[in-house]
Amino acid sequence: MLHDWLSHPGYLSLFFMSFLASTLLPLGSEWLLVTMLVAGYDPLPTVAVATVGNYLGAVVTYLIGIWGGGWLIEKVMRVSPGQQDRAREYYQRFGVYSLLFSWIPLIGDPLCLVGGMLRINFGLFTLLVAAGKLARYVVTAIAALTAAG
């Protein structure tokens, strides 16, 4: 079923892949965005769907940070104490604005998780995370469309 879902890409596939990629699962969604753009999908809705899916996945990670507890975070989500410490260090060094980097692989998801653990204001969380994720998908789309030329 997953193979069928990914072998015929569309907005629903992109939404779910982007959503899952923004949780603590080790996935990426840029490849599907690029595939769809090169196949002729309209850039505006394609980037919008990827951004919304990725943002909502980050919200789930944020909520896990609020309600997940240490056991869930470490045992089920497999976020090591070291990863949690690194995310806290980013917060201490760069403040809440480090959430602008929530799109970076291996760093971004723990940042969202710690954002929830530290109970960062949700409006500010939304603004920073959505802006960072939108910027990443816009840059990816421009690069893909330029290269496909």
Protein backbone atom coordinates (compact mmCIF):
# COMPACT_ATOMS: atom_id res chain seq x y z
CA MET A 1 0.00 0.00 0.00
CA LEU A 2 2.80 2.44 0.86
CA HIS A 3 4.45 1.63 -2.48
CA ASP A 4 1.21 2.46 -4.35
CA TRP A 5 0.82 5.65 -2.37
CA LEU A 6 4.32 6.84 -3.26
CA SER A 7 4.44 5.51 -6.82
CA HIS A 8 1.54 7.80 -7.81
CA PRO A 9 2.45 11.05 -6.09
CA GLY A 10 -0.15 13.68 -5.46
CA TYR A 11 -1.03 16.31 -2.93
CA LEU A 12 -2.28 13.78 -0.37
CA SER A 13 0.97 11.80 -0.62
CA LEU A 14 2.98 15.00 -0.28
CA PHE A 15 0.96 16.11 2.73
CA PHE A 16 1.45 12.82 4.59
CA MET A 17 5.13 12.50 3.66
CA SER A 18 5.76 16.09 4.78
CA PHE A 19 3.80 15.50 7.97
CA LEU A 20 5.70 12.32 8.84
CA ALA A 21 9.04 13.92 7.95
CA SER A 22 8.40 16.60 10.55
CA THR A 23 7.83 14.15 13.35
CA LEU A 24 10.70 12.31 14.94
CA LEU A 25 10.64 9.71 12.16
CA PRO A 26 13.76 9.71 9.99
CA LEU A 27 12.09 10.67 6.70
CA GLY A 28 12.49 13.42 4.15
CA SER A 29 9.87 15.01 1.92
CA GLU A 30 11.92 17.23 -0.38
CA TRP A 31 12.40 14.44 -2.92
CA LEU A 32 8.62 14.12 -3.35
CA LEU A 33 8.20 17.89 -3.68
CA VAL A 34 10.89 17.96 -6.38
CA THR A 35 9.39 14.93 -8.15
CA MET A 36 5.98 16.58 -8.28
CA LEU A 37 7.32 19.94 -9.47
CA VAL A 38 9.38 18.33 -12.22
CA ALA A 39 6.25 16.36 -13.23
CA GLY A 40 4.43 19.67 -13.78
CA TYR A 41 2.48 20.24 -10.56
CA ASP A 42 1.68 23.88 -9.85
CA PRO A 43 4.42 25.23 -7.53
CA LEU A 44 2.18 27.34 -5.30
CA PRO A 45 -0.20 24.63 -4.05
CA THR A 46 2.63 22.07 -4.00
CA VAL A 47 4.77 24.22 -1.70
CA ALA A 48 1.69 25.12 0.38
CA VAL A 49 0.70 21.47 0.91
CA ALA A 50 4.25 20.48 1.86
CA THR A 51 4.54 23.42 4.27
CA VAL A 52 1.20 22.75 5.97
CA GLY A 53 1.92 19.04 6.34
CA ASN A 54 5.40 19.71 7.71
CA TYR A 55 4.14 22.37 10.10
CA LEU A 56 1.39 20.11 11.45
CA GLY A 57 3.91 17.33 12.01
CA ALA A 58 5.99 19.82 14.02
CA VAL A 59 2.89 20.66 16.08
CA VAL A 60 2.49 16.97 16.93
CA THR A 61 6.13 16.88 18.02
CA TYR A 62 5.56 20.04 20.10
CA LEU A 63 2.55 18.43 21.77
CA ILE A 64 4.57 15.30 22.51
CA GLY A 65 7.06 17.60 24.21
CA ILE A 66 4.29 19.06 26.37
CA TRP A 67 2.55 15.83 27.31
CA GLY A 68 4.99 13.09 26.36
CA GLY A 69 7.03 12.79 29.47
CA GLY A 70 10.59 11.57 29.61
CA TRP A 71 9.77 7.89 29.16
CA LEU A 72 7.75 8.44 25.97
CA ILE A 73 10.30 10.82 24.55
CA GLU A 74 13.30 8.58 25.22
CA LYS A 75 11.86 5.06 24.91
CA VAL A 76 9.11 5.34 22.31
CA MET A 77 10.25 8.33 20.26
CA ARG A 78 13.91 7.36 20.80
CA VAL A 79 15.17 10.88 21.34
CA SER A 80 18.35 10.36 23.29
CA PRO A 81 19.20 12.49 26.29
CA GLY A 82 22.09 13.81 24.18
CA GLN A 83 19.73 14.98 21.43
CA GLN A 84 17.51 16.62 24.04
CA ASP A 85 20.55 18.32 25.58
CA ARG A 86 21.71 19.62 22.18
CA ALA A 87 18.25 21.06 21.52
CA ARG A 88 18.25 22.74 24.95
CA GLU A 89 21.71 24.16 24.18
CA TYR A 90 20.37 25.69 20.94
CA TYR A 91 17.58 27.28 22.95
CA GLN A 92 20.06 28.65 25.48
CA ARG A 93 22.39 29.94 22.76
CA PHE A 94 19.89 31.28 20.23
CA GLY A 95 16.68 31.53 22.24
CA VAL A 96 13.27 30.68 20.94
CA TYR A 97 14.32 31.97 17.51
CA SER A 98 16.22 28.72 17.02
CA LEU A 99 12.81 27.37 15.98
CA LEU A 100 13.42 29.08 12.63
CA PHE A 101 15.84 26.17 12.08
CA SER A 102 13.23 23.49 12.74
CA TRP A 103 13.57 22.43 9.11
CA ILE A 104 17.16 21.21 9.54
CA PRO A 105 17.44 17.41 9.60
CA LEU A 106 18.39 15.84 12.94
CA ILE A 107 18.17 19.20 14.72
CA GLY A 108 14.72 20.52 13.86
CA ASP A 109 12.52 17.80 15.31
CA PRO A 110 14.23 17.83 18.72
CA LEU A 111 13.96 21.64 18.69
CA CYS A 112 10.19 21.35 18.29
CA LEU A 113 10.07 18.67 20.97
CA VAL A 114 12.02 20.81 23.43
CA GLY A 115 9.86 23.78 22.45
CA GLY A 116 6.92 21.81 23.80
CA MET A 117 8.84 20.62 26.86
CA LEU A 118 9.71 24.24 27.65
CA ARG A 119 6.14 25.30 26.82
CA ILE A 120 7.17 27.95 24.31
CA ASN A 121 4.25 30.24 23.46
CA PHE A 122 2.27 28.42 20.75
CA GLY A 123 1.68 31.55 18.63
CA LEU A 124 5.40 32.29 18.54
CA PHE A 125 6.13 28.61 17.90
CA THR A 126 3.71 28.68 14.95
CA LEU A 127 5.17 31.85 13.45
CA LEU A 128 8.79 30.69 13.67
CA VAL A 129 8.30 27.07 12.65
CA ALA A 130 5.94 27.82 9.76
CA ALA A 131 8.25 30.57 8.46
CA GLY A 132 11.30 28.30 8.54
CA LYS A 133 9.52 25.41 6.87
CA LEU A 134 7.97 27.63 4.19
CA ALA A 135 11.37 29.16 3.40
CA ARG A 136 12.92 25.69 3.04
CA TYR A 137 10.24 24.48 0.62
CA VAL A 138 10.33 27.72 -1.40
CA VAL A 139 14.12 27.45 -1.80
CA THR A 140 13.81 23.75 -2.71
CA ALA A 141 11.11 24.52 -5.28
CA ILE A 142 13.09 27.36 -6.86
CA ALA A 143 16.20 25.16 -7.07
CA ALA A 144 14.25 22.26 -8.59
CA LEU A 145 12.46 24.40 -11.15
CA THR A 146 15.67 26.23 -12.08
CA ALA A 147 17.56 22.96 -12.51
CA ALA A 148 14.70 21.43 -14.53
CA GLY A 149 14.72 24.63 -16.59
